[in-house]
């Protein structure tokens, strides 16, 4: 029987310990790097953490331009454009916003080639060490290389980061499917709800929560 396109197993996303392992690896690479190696380490962390904590698809991440990143205190978003059915505003955590801002200010200008202005808002947000924008295959290969180096070869793919976001999103928001559906650009909540099966729920506590603040329920 053919599986549904959105059917997942635990092998399709990173566990919490694996997320910690990956983040620790990325941080350690920056601590130990200097010069061009530091540029690469910072770029690696921006790519991985940017994908992991935004849930963007490979192609969406590649298409981001400087003007698509609205970063700052209070509210930080990435504007996904180019596909009418999936265009959306994706909210990202403040620590990811700061990482991207640091990359834009300190690393990206050093990677630019030719006469491209560092502040040209129409230019790609993420570029490689040759000053070129990423296409899907190139980004996929870089993500696989990084995850493999972090000891996660069995789960090394761009998709695993998006699915990890779906799992984290459901876990950390108490199952807010509407928020997660909007963030991930799913056409139907049935697709988003697939992540619910991996989060353990205290059903007794959830049942009790329904009666909280209800003066009419039996108090005897």
Foldseek 3Di string as FASTA:
>chain_A
DDDDPLADDPLLADDPVLVVLLVVLLVVQCVPDDDVSNLVSLLLCLLLVVCLFQLEDLQQLLQFFQLQWDADPPWTWGFRDDDVLQTATTTGDNVSSVSLVCCLPPRLVQQADDPDDSPPRNHHSRDDSNNHGDDRVVSQVSQCVSCVVSVNNSNRGSSRSSVNNLLCVCQVVVRPLVSSCRSNRPPDSVSSCSSVVVDDDPVVVVVVVVCPPPVPDDPD
